[in-house]
Amino acid sequence: MPRISIRVDEELHERLYVRARAAGLTTSELLRPVLEEVAWPGGRYVYTGNDEILTIAIQILALVAHDLTARSPADYAQGVEAARDLLRQRGLLAAENDPLQGAAVSSSGKEAGQ
């Protein structure tokens, strides 16, 4: 079985060790489910140090989208579809998790039929 080595500070190592022993596990047994969850495609989001940057980027994009909707609804609709395509290509948006899957975005920037 392959091994993964990571460096942690002494305090974290001690807390992991104590937690594992309290559960009657080795440190590897304690951490293996966490690694499996992180590696599972379609699993829940794993927070990273880039979250603040991503949050700011999302807010900026929301403002730009709002402005573009007012200026050119057709361009907004094309942009939404292009963004969804890119997300799907990168495995960041599964068809079953896409709230707009199968819905056309109208030139007003809203889902058709709204």
N, C-alpha and C. Protein backbone atom coordinates (compact mmCIF):
# COMPACT_ATOMS: atom_id res chain seq x y z
N MET A 1 0.85 -1.17 0.00
CA MET A 1 0.00 0.00 0.00
C MET A 1 0.89 1.24 0.00
N PRO A 2 0.62 2.21 -0.90
CA PRO A 2 1.42 3.44 -0.93
C PRO A 2 1.28 4.24 0.35
N ARG A 3 2.27 5.08 0.60
CA ARG A 3 2.26 5.95 1.77
C ARG A 3 2.22 7.40 1.33
N ILE A 4 1.63 8.22 2.17
CA ILE A 4 1.63 9.67 1.97
C ILE A 4 2.28 10.27 3.20
N SER A 5 3.25 11.13 2.98
CA SER A 5 3.91 11.81 4.10
C SER A 5 3.58 13.29 4.05
N ILE A 6 3.14 13.83 5.16
CA ILE A 6 2.90 15.26 5.25
C ILE A 6 3.55 15.78 6.53
N ARG A 7 3.91 17.03 6.51
CA ARG A 7 4.51 17.64 7.69
C ARG A 7 3.46 18.46 8.42
N VAL A 8 3.40 18.28 9.74
CA VAL A 8 2.51 19.06 10.59
C VAL A 8 3.30 19.52 11.80
N ASP A 9 2.83 20.58 12.44
CA ASP A 9 3.55 21.04 13.62
C ASP A 9 3.29 20.07 14.79
N GLU A 10 4.09 20.21 15.83
CA GLU A 10 4.03 19.30 16.97
C GLU A 10 2.65 19.31 17.64
N GLU A 11 2.06 20.49 17.78
CA GLU A 11 0.76 20.59 18.45
C GLU A 11 -0.32 19.81 17.70
N LEU A 12 -0.38 19.99 16.38
CA LEU A 12 -1.36 19.27 15.58
C LEU A 12 -1.11 17.78 15.65
N HIS A 13 0.14 17.38 15.54
CA HIS A 13 0.48 15.96 15.63
C HIS A 13 0.00 15.36 16.95
N GLU A 14 0.23 16.07 18.04
CA GLU A 14 -0.18 15.58 19.36
C GLU A 14 -1.70 15.46 19.45
N ARG A 15 -2.41 16.47 18.94
CA ARG A 15 -3.88 16.42 18.99
C ARG A 15 -4.42 15.26 18.16
N LEU A 16 -3.85 15.03 16.98
CA LEU A 16 -4.28 13.90 16.15
C LEU A 16 -3.99 12.57 16.84
N TYR A 17 -2.81 12.48 17.43
CA TYR A 17 -2.40 11.26 18.12
C TYR A 17 -3.36 10.96 19.29
N VAL A 18 -3.66 11.98 20.09
CA VAL A 18 -4.54 11.81 21.24
C VAL A 18 -5.95 11.42 20.78
N ARG A 19 -6.42 12.10 19.76
CA ARG A 19 -7.78 11.80 19.24
C ARG A 19 -7.86 10.38 18.70
N ALA A 20 -6.83 9.96 17.97
CA ALA A 20 -6.82 8.61 17.42
C ALA A 20 -6.81 7.57 18.54
N ARG A 21 -5.95 7.77 19.53
CA ARG A 21 -5.86 6.80 20.62
C ARG A 21 -7.16 6.72 21.40
N ALA A 22 -7.80 7.89 21.61
CA ALA A 22 -9.07 7.90 22.33
C ALA A 22 -10.14 7.10 21.59
N ALA A 23 -10.03 7.04 20.27
CA ALA A 23 -10.98 6.29 19.46
C ALA A 23 -10.53 4.86 19.23
N GLY A 24 -9.37 4.50 19.77
CA GLY A 24 -8.85 3.15 19.58
C GLY A 24 -8.32 2.91 18.18
N LEU A 25 -7.80 3.97 17.55
CA LEU A 25 -7.31 3.90 16.18
C LEU A 25 -5.86 4.35 16.11
N THR A 26 -5.22 3.97 15.01
CA THR A 26 -3.92 4.57 14.70
C THR A 26 -4.20 5.93 14.07
N THR A 27 -3.18 6.75 13.98
CA THR A 27 -3.35 8.05 13.33
C THR A 27 -3.75 7.84 11.87
N SER A 28 -3.16 6.87 11.20
CA SER A 28 -3.53 6.57 9.81
C SER A 28 -4.99 6.18 9.69
N GLU A 29 -5.47 5.35 10.60
CA GLU A 29 -6.88 4.92 10.57
C GLU A 29 -7.81 6.11 10.81
N LEU A 30 -7.39 7.04 11.65
CA LEU A 30 -8.19 8.23 11.92
C LEU A 30 -8.28 9.12 10.68
N LEU A 31 -7.16 9.29 9.98
CA LEU A 31 -7.10 10.22 8.85
C LEU A 31 -7.56 9.63 7.52
N ARG A 32 -7.51 8.34 7.36
CA ARG A 32 -7.86 7.71 6.07
C ARG A 32 -9.26 8.12 5.59
N PRO A 33 -10.31 8.11 6.42
CA PRO A 33 -11.62 8.54 5.92
C PRO A 33 -11.65 10.00 5.47
N VAL A 34 -10.87 10.85 6.12
CA VAL A 34 -10.80 12.25 5.70
C VAL A 34 -10.18 12.34 4.31
N LEU A 35 -9.11 11.60 4.07
CA LEU A 35 -8.47 11.61 2.76
C LEU A 35 -9.39 11.04 1.69
N GLU A 36 -10.13 9.99 2.04
CA GLU A 36 -11.08 9.41 1.09
C GLU A 36 -12.17 10.42 0.72
N GLU A 37 -12.63 11.18 1.70
CA GLU A 37 -13.66 12.18 1.43
C GLU A 37 -13.14 13.28 0.52
N VAL A 38 -11.90 13.72 0.76
CA VAL A 38 -11.30 14.77 -0.06
C VAL A 38 -11.11 14.29 -1.50
N ALA A 39 -10.74 13.03 -1.66
CA ALA A 39 -10.44 12.50 -2.99
C ALA A 39 -11.68 12.04 -3.75
N TRP A 40 -12.82 11.95 -3.10
CA TRP A 40 -14.02 11.42 -3.74
C TRP A 40 -14.60 12.42 -4.71
N PRO A 41 -14.67 12.08 -6.01
CA PRO A 41 -15.27 13.00 -6.97
C PRO A 41 -16.75 13.22 -6.63
N GLY A 42 -17.17 14.44 -6.70
CA GLY A 42 -18.56 14.74 -6.40
C GLY A 42 -18.82 14.86 -4.91
N GLY A 43 -17.78 14.77 -4.11
CA GLY A 43 -17.94 14.91 -2.68
C GLY A 43 -18.17 16.36 -2.32
N ARG A 44 -18.33 16.62 -1.03
CA ARG A 44 -18.59 17.99 -0.62
C ARG A 44 -17.33 18.84 -0.79
N TYR A 45 -17.54 20.11 -0.81
CA TYR A 45 -16.46 21.06 -1.04
C TYR A 45 -15.43 21.02 0.10
N VAL A 46 -14.16 21.05 -0.26
CA VAL A 46 -13.08 21.09 0.72
C VAL A 46 -12.52 22.50 0.72
N TYR A 47 -12.59 23.16 1.86
CA TYR A 47 -12.14 24.55 1.96
C TYR A 47 -10.63 24.64 1.94
N THR A 48 -10.13 25.63 1.22
CA THR A 48 -8.69 25.85 1.10
C THR A 48 -8.37 27.30 1.43
N GLY A 49 -7.10 27.61 1.41
CA GLY A 49 -6.67 28.98 1.66
C GLY A 49 -7.08 29.95 0.58
N ASN A 50 -7.55 29.46 -0.56
CA ASN A 50 -7.95 30.35 -1.65
C ASN A 50 -9.40 30.82 -1.54
N ASP A 51 -10.10 30.40 -0.50
CA ASP A 51 -11.52 30.72 -0.40
C ASP A 51 -11.81 32.21 -0.34
N GLU A 52 -10.98 32.99 0.34
CA GLU A 52 -11.22 34.44 0.40
C GLU A 52 -11.08 35.05 -0.98
N ILE A 53 -10.07 34.63 -1.72
CA ILE A 53 -9.86 35.14 -3.08
C ILE A 53 -11.04 34.74 -3.97
N LEU A 54 -11.48 33.50 -3.84
CA LEU A 54 -12.61 33.03 -4.64
C LEU A 54 -13.88 33.80 -4.28
N THR A 55 -14.07 34.09 -3.02
CA THR A 55 -15.25 34.84 -2.59
C THR A 55 -15.27 36.22 -3.22
N ILE A 56 -14.13 36.90 -3.22
CA ILE A 56 -14.03 38.22 -3.82
C ILE A 56 -14.28 38.14 -5.33
N ALA A 57 -13.69 37.13 -5.97
CA ALA A 57 -13.87 36.97 -7.41
C ALA A 57 -15.34 36.73 -7.75
N ILE A 58 -16.01 35.91 -6.96
CA ILE A 58 -17.43 35.63 -7.20
C ILE A 58 -18.26 36.90 -7.04
N GLN A 59 -17.95 37.70 -6.03
CA GLN A 59 -18.69 38.95 -5.84
C GLN A 59 -18.48 39.90 -7.01
N ILE A 60 -17.24 40.00 -7.48
CA ILE A 60 -16.95 40.87 -8.63
C ILE A 60 -17.69 40.37 -9.86
N LEU A 61 -17.67 39.06 -10.08
CA LEU A 61 -18.36 38.50 -11.24
C LEU A 61 -19.87 38.72 -11.15
N ALA A 62 -20.42 38.65 -9.95
CA ALA A 62 -21.85 38.90 -9.79
C ALA A 62 -22.19 40.35 -10.16
N LEU A 63 -21.33 41.28 -9.77
CA LEU A 63 -21.56 42.69 -10.13
C LEU A 63 -21.45 42.89 -11.64
N VAL A 64 -20.45 42.28 -12.26
CA VAL A 64 -20.29 42.38 -13.70
C VAL A 64 -21.49 41.76 -14.42
N ALA A 65 -21.94 40.60 -13.94
CA ALA A 65 -23.09 39.94 -14.56
C ALA A 65 -24.33 40.81 -14.46
N HIS A 66 -24.52 41.42 -13.31
CA HIS A 66 -25.68 42.30 -13.13
C HIS A 66 -25.62 43.46 -14.13
N ASP A 67 -24.46 44.08 -14.24
CA ASP A 67 -24.30 45.20 -15.16
C ASP A 67 -24.50 44.74 -16.61
N LEU A 68 -23.92 43.59 -16.96
CA LEU A 68 -24.04 43.09 -18.33
C LEU A 68 -25.48 42.74 -18.67
N THR A 69 -26.22 42.21 -17.70
CA THR A 69 -27.63 41.89 -17.93
C THR A 69 -28.40 43.14 -18.35
N ALA A 70 -28.11 44.24 -17.70
CA ALA A 70 -28.81 45.49 -18.03
C ALA A 70 -28.37 46.02 -19.39
N ARG A 71 -27.11 45.85 -19.73
CA ARG A 71 -26.58 46.40 -20.98
C ARG A 71 -26.87 45.51 -22.19
N SER A 72 -26.70 44.20 -22.02
CA SER A 72 -26.86 43.29 -23.15
C SER A 72 -27.30 41.91 -22.65
N PRO A 73 -28.60 41.72 -22.49
CA PRO A 73 -29.10 40.43 -21.99
C PRO A 73 -28.66 39.24 -22.83
N ALA A 74 -28.55 39.41 -24.15
CA ALA A 74 -28.13 38.29 -25.01
C ALA A 74 -26.69 37.90 -24.71
N ASP A 75 -25.82 38.90 -24.52
CA ASP A 75 -24.43 38.59 -24.17
C ASP A 75 -24.34 37.90 -22.81
N TYR A 76 -25.19 38.34 -21.88
CA TYR A 76 -25.22 37.70 -20.56
C TYR A 76 -25.59 36.23 -20.69
N ALA A 77 -26.63 35.93 -21.47
CA ALA A 77 -27.08 34.55 -21.65
C ALA A 77 -25.97 33.69 -22.26
N GLN A 78 -25.25 34.24 -23.24
CA GLN A 78 -24.14 33.50 -23.84
C GLN A 78 -23.03 33.27 -22.82
N GLY A 79 -22.75 34.26 -21.99
CA GLY A 79 -21.72 34.13 -20.97
C GLY A 79 -22.06 33.09 -19.93
N VAL A 80 -23.33 33.05 -19.51
CA VAL A 80 -23.76 32.04 -18.54
C VAL A 80 -23.56 30.65 -19.11
N GLU A 81 -23.96 30.45 -20.34
CA GLU A 81 -23.81 29.12 -20.96
C GLU A 81 -22.34 28.74 -21.10
N ALA A 82 -21.51 29.69 -21.52
CA ALA A 82 -20.07 29.42 -21.65
C ALA A 82 -19.46 29.07 -20.29
N ALA A 83 -19.86 29.78 -19.25
CA ALA A 83 -19.34 29.50 -17.91
C ALA A 83 -19.76 28.12 -17.44
N ARG A 84 -21.02 27.76 -17.67
CA ARG A 84 -21.50 26.42 -17.27
C ARG A 84 -20.75 25.33 -18.03
N ASP A 85 -20.48 25.56 -19.32
CA ASP A 85 -19.72 24.58 -20.10
C ASP A 85 -18.31 24.40 -19.52
N LEU A 86 -17.65 25.51 -19.19
CA LEU A 86 -16.30 25.42 -18.61
C LEU A 86 -16.32 24.67 -17.28
N LEU A 87 -17.30 24.96 -16.44
CA LEU A 87 -17.41 24.28 -15.16
C LEU A 87 -17.62 22.77 -15.35
N ARG A 88 -18.49 22.40 -16.29
CA ARG A 88 -18.72 20.97 -16.56
C ARG A 88 -17.47 20.30 -17.09
N GLN A 89 -16.75 20.96 -18.01
CA GLN A 89 -15.53 20.38 -18.58
C GLN A 89 -14.48 20.11 -17.52
N ARG A 90 -14.43 20.93 -16.50
CA ARG A 90 -13.43 20.79 -15.44
C ARG A 90 -13.92 19.93 -14.29
N GLY A 91 -15.11 19.37 -14.42
CA GLY A 91 -15.65 18.52 -13.38
C GLY A 91 -16.15 19.28 -12.16
N LEU A 92 -16.38 20.58 -12.31
CA LEU A 92 -16.83 21.39 -11.18
C LEU A 92 -18.35 21.54 -11.14
N LEU A 93 -19.03 21.08 -12.17
CA LEU A 93 -20.49 21.16 -12.21
C LEU A 93 -21.01 19.92 -12.90
N ALA A 94 -21.51 18.99 -12.10
CA ALA A 94 -22.10 17.77 -12.65
C ALA A 94 -23.50 18.10 -13.15
N ALA A 95 -23.91 17.45 -14.21
CA ALA A 95 -25.22 17.73 -14.80
C ALA A 95 -26.33 17.62 -13.76
N GLU A 96 -26.25 16.62 -12.88
CA GLU A 96 -27.31 16.44 -11.89
C GLU A 96 -27.31 17.52 -10.81
N ASN A 97 -26.21 18.29 -10.70
CA ASN A 97 -26.14 19.37 -9.73
C ASN A 97 -26.32 20.74 -10.36
N ASP A 98 -26.56 20.78 -11.66
CA ASP A 98 -26.72 22.04 -12.38
C ASP A 98 -28.18 22.46 -12.32
N PRO A 99 -28.49 23.50 -11.54
CA PRO A 99 -29.89 23.91 -11.42
C PRO A 99 -30.50 24.38 -12.73
N LEU A 100 -29.67 24.75 -13.69
CA LEU A 100 -30.18 25.22 -14.98
C LEU A 100 -30.07 24.16 -16.07
N GLN A 101 -29.70 22.92 -15.70
CA GLN A 101 -29.54 21.86 -16.70
C GLN A 101 -30.83 21.71 -17.49
N GLY A 102 -30.71 21.82 -18.78
CA GLY A 102 -31.86 21.66 -19.67
C GLY A 102 -32.71 22.90 -19.80
N ALA A 103 -32.40 23.93 -19.02
CA ALA A 103 -33.18 25.17 -19.10
C ALA A 103 -32.41 26.17 -19.95
N ALA A 104 -33.09 26.75 -20.88
CA ALA A 104 -32.45 27.79 -21.70
C ALA A 104 -32.50 29.10 -20.94
N VAL A 105 -31.40 29.84 -21.00
CA VAL A 105 -31.38 31.18 -20.40
C VAL A 105 -31.82 32.13 -21.50
N SER A 106 -32.88 32.88 -21.21
CA SER A 106 -33.43 33.78 -22.23
C SER A 106 -32.56 35.00 -22.39
N SER A 107 -32.87 35.78 -23.39
CA SER A 107 -32.08 36.98 -23.64
C SER A 107 -32.25 38.01 -22.54
N SER A 108 -33.24 37.81 -21.65
CA SER A 108 -33.39 38.72 -20.51
C SER A 108 -32.45 38.34 -19.38
N GLY A 109 -31.75 37.18 -19.55
CA GLY A 109 -30.81 36.74 -18.52
C GLY A 109 -31.46 35.81 -17.51
N LYS A 110 -32.76 35.54 -17.70
CA LYS A 110 -33.47 34.65 -16.76
C LYS A 110 -33.75 33.33 -17.46
N GLU A 111 -34.01 32.33 -16.61
CA GLU A 111 -34.38 31.03 -17.16
C GLU A 111 -35.65 31.20 -17.97
N ALA A 112 -35.69 30.58 -19.15
CA ALA A 112 -36.85 30.70 -20.01
C ALA A 112 -38.09 30.23 -19.27
N GLY A 113 -39.17 30.97 -19.42
CA GLY A 113 -40.43 30.60 -18.77
C GLY A 113 -40.64 31.32 -17.45
N GLN A 114 -39.69 32.13 -17.00
CA GLN A 114 -39.85 32.85 -15.73
C GLN A 114 -40.51 34.18 -15.97
